[in-house]
């Protein structure tokens, strides 16, 4: 009979390419024998959380992370709502998600998005996984928003950068958050994409501070020189996530030991 243990929840934050650090965090937790029961994610965090929920191994996730080095998934459009349609990335994610719906996932996963019409947080736990991830990754002004019922959804990081409250609501006893945001103070001739991402980072700083109080342990990989739009250094980002999590393992394990 398995000894009673605390339910572990993992909240993976938004941050574009920097979100690949989440894969390293998962590796460190697995190596330490820490089972994750609940996952929630915003934007790139939603992608990694859901891929783990699908049942992909860490090694497989590292391989598909390298796919993003190619820009074939960027389908530029002349739409007034965004520069990138998002159809290609949805097709790629659907392949990785094995065309699953949420009830078919091997772990409980929630995807966080923002309703552009109301400004409300939207927590998705039913329906097509790939469509939900596309919505959560739809950076305003860059990707075309996603129609979801009577809602118009954009990036979840707009309202909840690191969705620790969602994981807590799912029933987690110990909540681990991963914040991959970083405010870059030196931007030289920024593109429109960099301007949008920097703006979201500025908005997200206060959100992240408030969310830290709701989690038990917050992992913050050191990724100062990484652009959220630079997908060329996935291996380094994964390593940084793993290193940051390993440094906090004594704290996590002690909390698990003291849990009643």
Protein backbone atom coordinates (compact mmCIF):
# COMPACT_ATOMS: atom_id res chain seq x y z
CA UNK A 1 0.00 0.00 0.00
CA UNK A 2 1.43 3.34 -1.05
CA UNK A 3 2.21 5.66 1.85
CA UNK A 4 0.07 8.77 1.98
CA UNK A 5 1.94 11.66 0.42
CA UNK A 6 1.18 15.26 -0.47
CA UNK A 7 -0.30 15.97 -3.88
CA UNK A 8 2.19 18.01 -5.88
CA UNK A 9 1.04 20.75 -8.26
CA UNK A 10 3.25 22.42 -10.85
CA UNK A 11 2.41 25.83 -12.34
CA UNK A 12 4.41 26.62 -15.49
CA UNK A 13 4.62 30.26 -16.47
CA UNK A 14 4.60 32.13 -19.76
CA UNK A 15 7.76 33.48 -21.36
CA UNK A 16 8.04 32.42 -24.98
CA UNK A 17 11.16 30.41 -25.79
CA UNK A 18 12.31 30.76 -22.19
CA UNK A 19 9.49 28.36 -21.33
CA UNK A 20 11.64 25.46 -22.50
CA UNK A 21 13.33 25.77 -19.10
CA UNK A 22 10.19 24.03 -17.78
CA UNK A 23 11.40 20.79 -19.37
CA UNK A 24 14.55 20.96 -17.26
CA UNK A 25 12.46 21.50 -14.13
CA UNK A 26 10.45 18.38 -14.91
CA UNK A 27 13.66 16.42 -15.42
CA UNK A 28 15.01 17.49 -12.02
CA UNK A 29 11.74 16.54 -10.30
CA UNK A 30 11.66 13.15 -12.01
CA UNK A 31 15.28 12.42 -11.10
CA UNK A 32 14.47 13.25 -7.47
CA UNK A 33 11.52 10.86 -7.52
CA UNK A 34 8.95 13.63 -7.07
CA UNK A 35 5.68 12.77 -8.76
CA UNK A 36 3.69 15.68 -10.16
CA UNK A 37 -0.06 15.18 -9.79
CA UNK A 38 -1.48 18.43 -11.19
CA UNK A 39 -0.19 20.79 -13.86
CA UNK A 40 -1.34 24.16 -15.14
CA UNK A 41 0.32 26.45 -17.62
CA UNK A 42 0.13 29.78 -19.37
CA UNK A 43 1.40 30.22 -22.94
CA UNK A 44 4.58 28.14 -23.42
CA UNK A 45 3.98 26.76 -19.94
CA UNK A 46 0.66 25.41 -21.21
CA UNK A 47 2.43 23.60 -24.04
CA UNK A 48 4.99 21.93 -21.77
CA UNK A 49 2.40 21.06 -19.09
CA UNK A 50 0.11 19.45 -21.62
CA UNK A 51 2.86 17.51 -23.38
CA UNK A 52 3.79 16.05 -20.00
CA UNK A 53 0.13 15.25 -19.42
CA UNK A 54 -0.02 13.48 -22.77
CA UNK A 55 2.66 11.13 -21.47
CA UNK A 56 5.72 12.23 -23.42
CA UNK A 57 9.06 11.36 -21.81
CA UNK A 58 11.49 14.16 -20.96
CA UNK A 59 13.76 12.94 -23.75
CA UNK A 60 10.92 13.17 -26.26
CA UNK A 61 10.01 16.64 -25.04
CA UNK A 62 13.61 17.76 -25.51
CA UNK A 63 13.50 16.50 -29.09
CA UNK A 64 10.31 18.32 -29.99
CA UNK A 65 11.66 21.50 -28.37
CA UNK A 66 14.32 21.51 -31.06
CA UNK A 67 11.59 21.62 -33.72
CA UNK A 68 10.94 25.22 -32.74
CA UNK A 69 14.37 26.25 -33.98
CA UNK A 70 12.77 26.11 -37.40
CA UNK A 71 10.34 28.90 -38.21
CA UNK A 72 8.19 26.75 -40.47
CA UNK A 73 5.36 26.96 -37.94
CA UNK A 74 5.04 30.74 -38.36
CA UNK A 75 2.27 31.39 -40.88
CA UNK A 76 2.28 35.14 -41.40
CA UNK A 77 -1.02 36.74 -42.31
CA UNK A 78 -2.47 40.10 -43.34
CA UNK A 79 -5.20 39.89 -40.71
CA UNK A 80 -5.98 43.05 -38.74
CA UNK A 81 -5.99 40.93 -35.56
CA UNK A 82 -2.41 39.69 -35.64
CA UNK A 83 0.75 39.07 -37.66
CA UNK A 84 0.70 35.27 -37.35
CA UNK A 85 -2.39 33.16 -38.02
CA UNK A 86 -1.40 30.30 -35.70
CA UNK A 87 -2.81 27.47 -37.83
CA UNK A 88 0.58 25.83 -38.36
CA UNK A 89 1.53 25.86 -34.71
CA UNK A 90 -1.86 24.36 -33.85
CA UNK A 91 -1.24 21.57 -36.37
CA UNK A 92 2.19 20.89 -34.85
CA UNK A 93 0.77 20.86 -31.33
CA UNK A 94 -2.08 18.59 -32.39
CA UNK A 95 0.48 16.10 -33.68
CA UNK A 96 2.45 16.29 -30.43
CA UNK A 97 -0.75 16.03 -28.37
CA UNK A 98 -1.80 12.92 -30.32
CA UNK A 99 -5.14 14.62 -31.10
CA UNK A 100 -6.17 14.17 -27.47
CA UNK A 101 -8.90 15.91 -25.55
CA UNK A 102 -8.36 16.84 -21.91
CA UNK A 103 -10.21 13.85 -20.49
CA UNK A 104 -7.76 11.56 -22.30
CA UNK A 105 -4.63 13.00 -20.68
CA UNK A 106 -2.63 10.85 -18.25
CA UNK A 107 -2.39 13.67 -15.71
CA UNK A 108 -4.76 16.44 -14.70
CA UNK A 109 -3.87 19.54 -16.70
CA UNK A 110 -5.38 23.02 -16.96
CA UNK A 111 -4.57 25.55 -19.68
CA UNK A 112 -4.89 29.25 -18.86
CA UNK A 113 -5.97 31.85 -21.42
CA UNK A 114 -7.38 35.38 -21.34
CA UNK A 115 -10.76 36.42 -22.73
CA UNK A 116 -10.06 39.53 -24.77
CA UNK A 117 -13.71 40.58 -24.61
CA UNK A 118 -14.03 40.62 -20.81
CA UNK A 119 -10.44 40.61 -19.55
CA UNK A 120 -11.22 37.54 -17.46
CA UNK A 121 -9.00 34.56 -16.85
CA UNK A 122 -10.21 31.44 -18.65
CA UNK A 123 -9.18 28.02 -17.32
CA UNK A 124 -9.62 25.32 -19.95
CA UNK A 125 -9.98 21.69 -18.89
CA UNK A 126 -12.27 20.27 -21.56
CA UNK A 127 -12.20 19.93 -25.32
CA UNK A 128 -9.41 19.86 -27.87
CA UNK A 129 -5.98 20.13 -26.23
CA UNK A 130 -4.24 21.59 -29.30
CA UNK A 131 -6.84 24.33 -29.72
CA UNK A 132 -6.56 25.27 -26.06
CA UNK A 133 -2.77 25.52 -26.25
CA UNK A 134 -2.98 27.65 -29.35
CA UNK A 135 -5.30 30.02 -27.49
CA UNK A 136 -3.01 30.20 -24.47
CA UNK A 137 0.00 30.96 -26.71
CA UNK A 138 -1.72 33.65 -28.77
CA UNK A 139 0.35 36.69 -27.82
CA UNK A 140 -1.84 39.79 -28.37
CA UNK A 141 -0.82 41.75 -31.44
CA UNK A 142 1.35 38.93 -32.77
CA UNK A 143 -0.97 35.93 -33.04
CA UNK A 144 -4.57 36.11 -34.21
CA UNK A 145 -6.90 35.53 -31.20
CA UNK A 146 -8.73 32.21 -30.95
CA UNK A 147 -12.51 31.94 -30.99
CA UNK A 148 -13.64 29.64 -28.16
CA UNK A 149 -17.42 29.51 -27.86
CA UNK A 150 -18.50 33.09 -27.20
CA UNK A 151 -15.02 34.03 -26.00
CA UNK A 152 -12.07 35.49 -27.89
CA UNK A 153 -8.93 34.09 -26.30
CA UNK A 154 -5.35 35.33 -26.14
CA UNK A 155 -2.22 34.50 -24.14
CA UNK A 156 -2.88 33.35 -20.57
CA UNK A 157 0.14 35.29 -19.33
CA UNK A 158 -1.81 38.53 -19.74
CA UNK A 159 -3.79 37.81 -16.55
CA UNK A 160 -1.92 34.96 -14.84
CA UNK A 161 1.73 34.62 -15.69
CA UNK A 162 2.40 31.70 -13.34
CA UNK A 163 -0.95 29.99 -12.61
CA UNK A 164 -0.24 28.89 -9.04
CA UNK A 165 -3.81 29.66 -7.94
CA UNK A 166 -5.16 27.30 -10.60
CA UNK A 167 -3.00 24.43 -9.34
CA UNK A 168 -4.06 25.17 -5.78
CA UNK A 169 -7.71 25.06 -6.85
CA UNK A 170 -7.08 21.68 -8.50
CA UNK A 171 -6.30 20.22 -5.08
CA UNK A 172 -2.52 20.40 -4.75
CA UNK A 173 -1.12 20.27 -1.22
CA UNK A 174 2.25 21.65 -2.27
CA UNK A 175 2.42 24.11 -5.16
CA UNK A 176 5.60 24.62 -7.17
CA UNK A 177 5.70 27.55 -9.58
CA UNK A 178 8.17 28.18 -12.38
CA UNK A 179 8.67 31.81 -13.41
CA UNK A 180 10.73 32.22 -16.59
CA UNK A 181 10.12 35.94 -17.02
CA UNK A 182 12.92 38.48 -17.15
CA UNK A 183 12.84 42.21 -17.83
CA UNK A 184 15.56 43.11 -20.32
CA UNK A 185 16.88 46.62 -19.72
CA UNK A 186 18.95 46.75 -22.92
CA UNK A 187 16.96 46.49 -26.14
CA UNK A 188 18.68 47.72 -29.28
CA UNK A 189 16.39 48.56 -32.21
CA UNK A 190 13.63 46.22 -30.95
CA UNK A 191 11.26 44.65 -33.44
CA UNK A 192 7.49 44.83 -32.99
CA UNK A 193 7.61 41.29 -31.60
CA UNK A 194 10.21 42.29 -28.99
CA UNK A 195 8.25 45.40 -28.06
CA UNK A 196 5.12 43.32 -27.42
CA UNK A 197 7.01 40.69 -25.41
CA UNK A 198 8.85 43.33 -23.35
CA UNK A 199 5.53 45.02 -22.61
CA UNK A 200 4.08 41.72 -21.41
CA UNK A 201 7.14 41.17 -19.21
CA UNK A 202 6.64 44.61 -17.64
CA UNK A 203 2.96 43.86 -17.01
CA UNK A 204 3.83 40.44 -15.65
CA UNK A 205 6.31 41.57 -12.99
CA UNK A 206 3.64 42.71 -10.54
CA UNK A 207 1.50 39.68 -11.34
CA UNK A 208 4.44 37.39 -10.62
CA UNK A 209 5.08 39.06 -7.26
CA UNK A 210 1.50 38.46 -6.16
CA UNK A 211 1.50 34.90 -7.44
CA UNK A 212 4.70 34.10 -5.53
CA UNK A 213 2.74 34.54 -2.30
CA UNK A 214 0.24 31.87 -3.37
CA UNK A 215 2.83 29.20 -4.16
CA UNK A 216 5.02 27.21 -1.78
CA UNK A 217 8.22 27.15 -3.86
CA UNK A 218 8.99 29.38 -6.85
CA UNK A 219 11.66 28.22 -9.29
CA UNK A 220 13.33 31.06 -11.21
CA UNK A 221 15.86 29.91 -13.81
CA UNK A 222 18.59 32.46 -14.54
CA UNK A 223 17.92 33.37 -18.16
CA UNK A 224 18.91 37.03 -18.27
CA UNK A 225 20.25 37.04 -21.81
CA UNK A 226 17.50 34.96 -23.40
CA UNK A 227 14.95 36.61 -25.64
CA UNK A 228 11.44 35.15 -25.42
CA UNK A 229 11.54 34.93 -29.22
CA UNK A 230 14.96 33.24 -29.54
CA UNK A 231 14.38 29.53 -30.08
CA UNK A 232 18.01 28.79 -30.98
CA UNK A 233 19.19 27.87 -27.48
CA UNK A 234 16.68 25.28 -26.30
CA UNK A 235 19.36 23.02 -24.80
CA UNK A 236 20.79 25.83 -22.66
CA UNK A 237 17.34 26.87 -21.48
CA UNK A 238 16.49 23.30 -20.48
CA UNK A 239 19.77 23.04 -18.55
CA UNK A 240 19.08 26.30 -16.72
CA UNK A 241 15.64 25.09 -15.68
CA UNK A 242 17.08 21.82 -14.39
CA UNK A 243 19.85 23.60 -12.46
CA UNK A 244 17.46 26.08 -10.84
CA UNK A 245 15.11 23.30 -9.71
CA UNK A 246 17.93 21.12 -8.34
CA UNK A 247 19.04 24.00 -6.12
CA UNK A 248 15.57 24.05 -4.53
CA UNK A 249 15.14 20.28 -4.15
CA UNK A 250 16.16 20.29 -0.45
CA UNK A 251 13.40 22.83 0.27
CA UNK A 252 10.83 20.88 -1.76
CA UNK A 253 11.73 17.54 -0.15
CA UNK A 254 11.65 19.08 3.34
CA UNK A 255 8.16 20.47 2.70
CA UNK A 256 7.04 17.04 1.54
CA UNK A 257 8.54 15.46 4.66
CA UNK A 258 6.81 17.91 6.99
CA UNK A 259 3.44 17.65 5.24
CA UNK A 260 0.61 16.10 7.20
